[in-house]
C-alpha atoms as a PDB file:
ATOM      1  CA  MET A   1     -91.998  64.962  32.614  1.00  0.00           C
ATOM      2  CA  THR A   2     -88.608  63.308  33.271  1.00  0.00           C
ATOM      3  CA  ILE A   3     -87.274  63.851  36.839  1.00  0.00           C
ATOM      4  CA  ARG A   4     -83.879  62.836  37.774  1.00  0.00           C
ATOM      5  CA  ILE A   5     -83.800  61.225  41.253  1.00  0.00           C
ATOM      6  CA  LEU A   6     -80.920  60.065  43.325  1.00  0.00           C
ATOM      7  CA  VAL A   7     -81.767  57.576  46.071  1.00  0.00           C
ATOM      8  CA  VAL A   8     -79.264  57.195  48.879  1.00  0.00           C
ATOM      9  CA  ASP A   9     -79.579  54.353  51.473  1.00  0.00           C
ATOM     10  CA  ASP A  10     -77.130  51.823  53.000  1.00  0.00           C
ATOM     11  CA  ASP A  11     -79.722  49.067  52.714  1.00  0.00           C
ATOM     12  CA  PRO A  12     -79.785  47.547  49.077  1.00  0.00           C
ATOM     13  CA  GLY A  13     -83.383  46.355  49.580  1.00  0.00           C
ATOM     14  CA  VAL A  14     -84.464  49.822  50.299  1.00  0.00           C
ATOM     15  CA  ARG A  15     -82.659  51.168  47.239  1.00  0.00           C
ATOM     16  CA  LYS A  16     -84.216  48.492  45.048  1.00  0.00           C
ATOM     17  CA  ALA A  17     -87.798  49.106  46.403  1.00  0.00           C
ATOM     18  CA  LEU A  18     -87.633  52.835  45.973  1.00  0.00           C
ATOM     19  CA  SER A  19     -86.038  52.440  42.556  1.00  0.00           C
ATOM     20  CA  ARG A  20     -88.929  50.105  41.383  1.00  0.00           C
ATOM     21  CA  VAL A  21     -91.559  52.641  42.574  1.00  0.00           C
ATOM     22  CA  LEU A  22     -89.904  55.646  40.936  1.00  0.00           C
ATOM     23  CA  GLN A  23     -88.958  53.918  37.576  1.00  0.00           C
ATOM     24  CA  GLY A  24     -92.661  52.922  37.469  1.00  0.00           C
ATOM     25  CA  GLU A  25     -93.208  56.502  36.764  1.00  0.00           C
ATOM     26  CA  SER A  26     -90.576  56.565  33.915  1.00  0.00           C
ATOM     27  CA  TRP A  27     -88.391  58.829  35.987  1.00  0.00           C
ATOM     28  CA  GLN A  28     -84.549  58.435  35.941  1.00  0.00           C
ATOM     29  CA  VAL A  29     -83.250  56.915  38.932  1.00  0.00           C
ATOM     30  CA  GLN A  30     -79.687  56.457  40.314  1.00  0.00           C
ATOM     31  CA  THR A  31     -78.734  55.041  43.610  1.00  0.00           C
ATOM     32  CA  ALA A  32     -75.853  55.455  46.044  1.00  0.00           C
ATOM     33  CA  ALA A  33     -75.034  53.334  49.229  1.00  0.00           C
ATOM     34  CA  GLY A  34     -74.031  56.454  51.328  1.00  0.00           C
ATOM     35  CA  GLY A  35     -73.397  60.113  51.506  1.00  0.00           C
ATOM     36  CA  ARG A  36     -69.894  60.176  50.137  1.00  0.00           C
ATOM     37  CA  GLU A  37     -70.683  57.904  47.249  1.00  0.00           C
ATOM     38  CA  ALA A  38     -73.780  60.162  46.572  1.00  0.00           C
ATOM     39  CA  LEU A  39     -71.791  63.379  46.514  1.00  0.00           C
ATOM     40  CA  ALA A  40     -69.579  61.803  43.910  1.00  0.00           C
ATOM     41  CA  VAL A  41     -72.668  60.923  41.866  1.00  0.00           C
ATOM     42  CA  LEU A  42     -73.897  64.684  42.126  1.00  0.00           C
ATOM     43  CA  GLN A  43     -70.456  65.870  40.853  1.00  0.00           C
ATOM     44  CA  GLU A  44     -70.967  63.828  37.761  1.00  0.00           C
ATOM     45  CA  GLY A  45     -74.239  65.257  36.912  1.00  0.00           C
ATOM     46  CA  SER A  46     -77.191  67.271  38.360  1.00  0.00           C
ATOM     47  CA  MET A  47     -80.247  65.597  39.994  1.00  0.00           C
ATOM     48  CA  ASP A  48     -83.659  67.245  40.446  1.00  0.00           C
ATOM     49  CA  ILE A  49     -84.437  65.483  43.721  1.00  0.00           C
ATOM     50  CA  VAL A  50     -82.412  63.544  46.246  1.00  0.00           C
ATOM     51  CA  ILE A  51     -84.119  61.055  48.697  1.00  0.00           C
ATOM     52  CA  SER A  52     -81.679  60.063  51.440  1.00  0.00           C
ATOM     53  CA  ASP A  53     -82.092  57.611  54.460  1.00  0.00           C
ATOM     54  CA  GLN A  54     -81.151  59.328  57.827  1.00  0.00           C
ATOM     55  CA  ARG A  55     -79.219  56.572  59.544  1.00  0.00           C
ATOM     56  CA  MET A  56     -76.369  55.550  57.436  1.00  0.00           C
ATOM     57  CA  PRO A  57     -72.714  54.723  58.327  1.00  0.00           C
ATOM     58  CA  GLY A  58     -70.209  57.452  57.845  1.00  0.00           C
ATOM     59  CA  MET A  59     -72.404  60.365  57.278  1.00  0.00           C
ATOM     60  CA  SER A  60     -76.099  60.801  58.355  1.00  0.00           C
ATOM     61  CA  GLY A  61     -78.828  61.645  55.989  1.00  0.00           C
ATOM     62  CA  LEU A  62     -79.075  65.140  57.471  1.00  0.00           C
ATOM     63  CA  GLU A  63     -75.309  65.795  57.165  1.00  0.00           C
ATOM     64  CA  PHE A  64     -75.526  64.598  53.627  1.00  0.00           C
ATOM     65  CA  LEU A  65     -78.586  66.621  52.696  1.00  0.00           C
ATOM     66  CA  THR A  66     -77.077  69.759  54.458  1.00  0.00           C
ATOM     67  CA  ALA A  67     -74.002  69.256  52.207  1.00  0.00           C
ATOM     68  CA  VAL A  68     -76.268  68.991  49.188  1.00  0.00           C
ATOM     69  CA  SER A  69     -78.263  72.143  50.081  1.00  0.00           C
ATOM     70  CA  ARG A  70     -74.857  74.077  50.096  1.00  0.00           C
ATOM     71  CA  ARG A  71     -73.383  72.714  46.942  1.00  0.00           C
ATOM     72  CA  TYR A  72     -76.449  72.034  44.827  1.00  0.00           C
ATOM     73  CA  PRO A  73     -79.149  74.541  46.145  1.00  0.00           C
ATOM     74  CA  ASP A  74     -81.546  73.787  43.464  1.00  0.00           C
ATOM     75  CA  THR A  75     -81.784  70.142  44.074  1.00  0.00           C
ATOM     76  CA  MET A  76     -84.868  69.180  46.223  1.00  0.00           C
ATOM     77  CA  ARG A  77     -83.974  67.263  49.227  1.00  0.00           C
ATOM     78  CA  ILE A  78     -86.151  64.511  50.996  1.00  0.00           C
ATOM     79  CA  LEU A  79     -85.249  62.775  54.149  1.00  0.00           C
ATOM     80  CA  LEU A  80     -86.484  59.059  54.798  1.00  0.00           C
ATOM     81  CA  THR A  81     -86.275  58.139  58.375  1.00  0.00           C
ATOM     82  CA  GLY A  82     -87.400  55.193  60.513  1.00  0.00           C
ATOM     83  CA  HIS A  83     -85.934  56.475  63.712  1.00  0.00           C
ATOM     84  CA  GLY A  84     -85.922  60.193  63.411  1.00  0.00           C
ATOM     85  CA  ASP A  85     -85.599  62.865  66.117  1.00  0.00           C
ATOM     86  CA  ALA A  86     -88.580  64.878  65.292  1.00  0.00           C
ATOM     87  CA  ASN A  87     -87.252  68.196  66.561  1.00  0.00           C
ATOM     88  CA  LEU A  88     -83.916  67.560  64.557  1.00  0.00           C
ATOM     89  CA  VAL A  89     -86.064  66.873  61.260  1.00  0.00           C
ATOM     90  CA  LEU A  90     -88.363  69.877  61.843  1.00  0.00           C
ATOM     91  CA  GLN A  91     -85.354  72.154  62.391  1.00  0.00           C
ATOM     92  CA  ALA A  92     -83.753  70.754  59.164  1.00  0.00           C
ATOM     93  CA  ILE A  93     -86.907  71.732  57.335  1.00  0.00           C
ATOM     94  CA  ALA A  94     -86.911  75.171  59.055  1.00  0.00           C
ATOM     95  CA  ASP A  95     -83.285  75.742  58.116  1.00  0.00           C
ATOM     96  CA  GLY A  96     -84.003  74.746  54.461  1.00  0.00           C
ATOM     97  CA  ALA A  97     -81.602  71.677  54.508  1.00  0.00           C
ATOM     98  CA  ILE A  98     -84.585  69.448  53.548  1.00  0.00           C
ATOM     99  CA  TYR A  99     -87.857  69.990  51.679  1.00  0.00           C
ATOM    100  CA  ARG A 100     -89.863  67.096  53.397  1.00  0.00           C
ATOM    101  CA  PHE A 101     -89.354  63.949  55.261  1.00  0.00           C
ATOM    102  CA  LEU A 102     -91.143  60.668  55.150  1.00  0.00           C
ATOM    103  CA  THR A 103     -91.068  57.868  57.717  1.00  0.00           C
ATOM    104  CA  LYS A 104     -90.150  54.202  57.052  1.00  0.00           C
ATOM    105  CA  PRO A 105     -92.095  52.282  56.069  1.00  0.00           C
ATOM    106  CA  TRP A 106     -93.139  54.862  53.349  1.00  0.00           C
ATOM    107  CA  ASP A 107     -96.438  54.829  51.510  1.00  0.00           C
ATOM    108  CA  ASN A 108     -95.851  54.743  47.749  1.00  0.00           C
ATOM    109  CA  ASP A 109     -98.501  57.042  46.848  1.00  0.00           C
ATOM    110  CA  GLU A 110     -97.378  59.565  49.423  1.00  0.00           C
ATOM    111  CA  LEU A 111     -93.923  59.267  48.132  1.00  0.00           C
ATOM    112  CA  LEU A 112     -94.938  59.999  44.637  1.00  0.00           C
ATOM    113  CA  THR A 113     -97.190  62.959  45.673  1.00  0.00           C
ATOM    114  CA  VAL A 114     -94.319  64.343  47.718  1.00  0.00           C
ATOM    115  CA  ILE A 115     -91.908  64.104  44.810  1.00  0.00           C
ATOM    116  CA  ARG A 116     -94.424  65.794  42.281  1.00  0.00           C
ATOM    117  CA  HIS A 117     -94.857  68.715  44.774  1.00  0.00           C
ATOM    118  CA  ALA A 118     -91.163  69.022  45.161  1.00  0.00           C
ATOM    119  CA  ARG A 119     -90.644  69.185  41.412  1.00  0.00           C
ATOM    120  CA  GLN A 120     -93.517  71.822  41.094  1.00  0.00           C
ATOM    121  CA  ALA A 121     -91.810  73.907  43.917  1.00  0.00           C
ATOM    122  CA  GLN A 122     -88.557  73.651  42.104  1.00  0.00           C
ATOM    123  CA  LYS A 123     -90.011  74.854  38.881  1.00  0.00           C
ATOM    124  CA  LYS A 124     -91.702  77.772  40.644  1.00  0.00           C
ATOM    125  CA  LYS A 125     -88.361  78.746  42.188  1.00  0.00           C
ATOM    126  CA  GLU A 126     -86.595  78.429  38.811  1.00  0.00           C
ATOM    127  CA  GLY A 127     -89.380  80.843  37.268  1.00  0.00           C
ATOM    128  CA  SER A 128     -88.702  83.341  40.009  1.00  0.00           C
ATOM    129  CA  ASP A 129     -84.937  83.192  39.623  1.00  0.00           C
ATOM    130  CA  ILE A 130     -85.541  84.173  35.873  1.00  0.00           C
ATOM    131  CA  VAL A 131     -87.867  87.012  36.817  1.00  0.00           C
ATOM    132  CA  MET A 132     -85.275  88.407  39.386  1.00  0.00           C
ATOM    133  CA  ILE A 133     -82.431  88.094  36.740  1.00  0.00           C
ATOM    134  CA  SER A 134     -84.585  90.008  34.166  1.00  0.00           C
ATOM    135  CA  THR A 135     -85.629  92.651  36.771  1.00  0.00           C
ATOM    136  CA  ARG A 136     -82.074  93.321  37.702  1.00  0.00           C
ATOM    137  CA  ARG A 137     -81.113  93.837  34.079  1.00  0.00           C
ATOM    138  CA  GLU A 138     -83.883  96.282  33.573  1.00  0.00           C
ATOM    139  CA  LYS A 139     -82.666  98.437  36.309  1.00  0.00           C
ATOM    140  CA  ARG A 140     -79.018  98.851  34.865  1.00  0.00           C
END
Protein backbone atom coordinates (compact mmCIF):
# COMPACT_ATOMS: atom_id res chain seq x y z
CA MET A 1 0.00 0.00 0.00
CA THR A 2 1.56 3.26 -1.12
CA ILE A 3 1.08 6.08 1.34
CA ARG A 4 1.98 9.67 0.41
CA ILE A 5 3.48 11.48 3.39
CA LEU A 6 4.61 15.08 3.82
CA VAL A 7 7.18 15.70 6.58
CA VAL A 8 7.40 19.30 7.83
CA ASP A 9 10.23 20.37 10.13
CA ASP A 10 12.66 23.29 10.14
CA ASP A 11 15.52 20.96 11.21
CA PRO A 12 17.05 19.27 8.14
CA GLY A 13 18.39 16.44 10.31
CA VAL A 14 14.88 15.59 11.56
CA ARG A 15 13.48 15.70 8.01
CA LYS A 16 16.22 13.36 6.84
CA ALA A 17 15.78 10.93 9.76
CA LEU A 18 12.00 10.76 9.33
CA SER A 19 12.33 10.36 5.56
CA ARG A 20 14.74 7.46 6.02
CA VAL A 21 12.36 5.63 8.37
CA LEU A 22 9.30 6.23 6.16
CA GLN A 23 10.98 5.40 2.86
CA GLY A 24 12.08 2.12 4.42
CA GLU A 25 8.39 1.19 4.23
CA SER A 26 8.32 2.05 0.51
CA TRP A 27 6.08 5.04 1.15
CA GLN A 28 6.32 8.21 -0.94
CA VAL A 29 7.83 10.97 1.18
CA GLN A 30 8.16 14.68 0.48
CA THR A 31 9.60 17.23 2.88
CA ALA A 32 9.17 20.92 3.63
CA ALA A 33 11.12 23.23 5.95
CA GLY A 34 8.07 25.09 7.26
CA GLY A 35 4.33 25.60 7.12
CA ARG A 36 4.20 27.98 4.17
CA GLU A 37 6.42 25.75 2.04
CA ALA A 38 4.31 22.73 3.04
CA LEU A 39 1.06 24.45 2.04
CA ALA A 40 2.61 25.11 -1.38
CA VAL A 41 3.53 21.40 -1.66
CA LEU A 42 -0.06 20.44 -0.78
CA GLN A 43 -1.41 22.76 -3.50
CA GLU A 44 0.66 20.82 -6.05
CA GLY A 45 -0.76 17.43 -5.05
CA SER A 46 -2.61 15.68 -2.28
CA MET A 47 -1.00 13.80 0.58
CA ASP A 48 -2.47 11.05 2.70
CA ILE A 49 -0.64 12.06 5.87
CA VAL A 50 1.19 15.15 7.08
CA ILE A 51 3.66 14.96 9.96
CA SER A 52 4.65 18.35 11.34
CA ASP A 53 6.93 19.65 14.05
CA GLN A 54 5.27 22.01 16.52
CA ARG A 55 8.01 24.61 16.94
CA MET A 56 8.95 26.18 13.64
CA PRO A 57 9.65 29.79 12.70
CA GLY A 58 6.86 31.71 10.99
CA MET A 59 4.03 29.25 11.59
CA SER A 60 3.68 26.74 14.42
CA GLY A 61 2.83 23.14 13.71
CA LEU A 62 -0.63 23.55 15.20
CA GLU A 63 -1.31 26.63 13.07
CA PHE A 64 -0.14 24.75 9.98
CA LEU A 65 -2.13 21.59 10.76
CA THR A 66 -5.24 23.63 11.53
CA ALA A 67 -4.91 25.22 8.07
CA VAL A 68 -4.46 21.75 6.56
CA SER A 69 -7.58 20.48 8.36
CA ARG A 70 -9.63 23.31 6.83
CA ARG A 71 -8.22 23.09 3.30
CA TYR A 72 -7.58 19.34 3.07
CA PRO A 73 -9.89 17.68 5.61
CA ASP A 74 -9.19 14.16 4.33
CA THR A 75 -5.46 14.45 5.01
CA MET A 76 -4.51 12.84 8.31
CA ARG A 77 -2.45 15.15 10.53
CA ILE A 78 0.21 14.13 13.06
CA LEU A 79 2.06 16.58 15.31
CA LEU A 80 5.63 15.99 16.48
CA THR A 81 6.58 17.94 19.54
CA GLY A 82 9.56 18.17 21.83
CA HIS A 83 8.22 21.05 23.93
CA GLY A 84 4.48 20.71 23.71
CA ASP A 85 1.83 22.24 25.88
CA ALA A 86 -0.14 19.09 26.67
CA ASN A 87 -3.43 20.98 27.09
CA LEU A 88 -3.00 22.74 23.75
CA VAL A 89 -2.23 19.47 21.95
CA LEU A 90 -5.14 17.61 23.58
CA GLN A 91 -7.48 20.46 22.63
CA ALA A 92 -6.22 20.28 19.03
CA ILE A 93 -7.01 16.56 18.96
CA ALA A 94 -10.48 17.20 20.43
CA ASP A 95 -11.10 19.95 17.85
CA GLY A 96 -10.07 17.62 15.02
CA ALA A 97 -7.06 19.70 13.97
CA ILE A 98 -4.75 16.72 14.51
CA TYR A 99 -5.20 12.96 14.54
CA ARG A 100 -2.36 12.15 16.96
CA PHE A 101 0.79 13.59 18.43
CA LEU A 102 4.19 12.07 19.08
CA THR A 103 6.94 13.40 21.28
CA LYS A 104 10.55 13.92 20.25
CA PRO A 105 12.60 11.87 20.27
CA TRP A 106 10.10 9.55 18.61
CA ASP A 107 10.12 5.78 18.62
CA ASN A 108 10.28 4.48 15.03
CA ASP A 109 7.97 1.52 15.71
CA GLU A 110 5.38 3.79 17.36
CA LEU A 111 5.62 6.25 14.45
CA LEU A 112 5.02 3.50 11.88
CA THR A 113 2.10 2.12 13.91
CA VAL A 114 0.50 5.57 14.20
CA ILE A 115 0.84 6.08 10.44
CA ARG A 116 -0.74 2.70 9.66
CA HIS A 117 -3.62 3.43 12.06
CA ALA A 118 -4.08 6.89 10.55
CA ARG A 119 -4.30 5.37 7.07
CA GLN A 120 -6.83 2.77 8.26
CA ALA A 121 -8.96 5.49 9.89
CA GLN A 122 -8.74 7.52 6.69
CA LYS A 123 -9.92 4.56 4.58
CA LYS A 124 -12.83 3.93 6.95
CA LYS A 125 -13.85 7.58 6.66
CA GLU A 126 -13.61 7.42 2.86
CA GLY A 127 -15.84 4.34 2.89
CA SER A 128 -18.43 6.02 5.11
CA ASP A 129 -18.48 9.06 2.78
CA ILE A 130 -19.31 6.77 -0.15
CA VAL A 131 -22.14 5.15 1.81
CA MET A 132 -23.56 8.57 2.73
CA ILE A 133 -23.45 9.73 -0.90
CA SER A 134 -25.17 6.58 -2.12
CA THR A 135 -27.82 6.84 0.61
CA ARG A 136 -28.56 10.44 -0.35
CA ARG A 137 -29.01 9.47 -3.98
CA GLU A 138 -31.46 6.71 -3.09
CA LYS A 139 -33.70 9.15 -1.16
CA ARG A 140 -34.17 11.42 -4.19
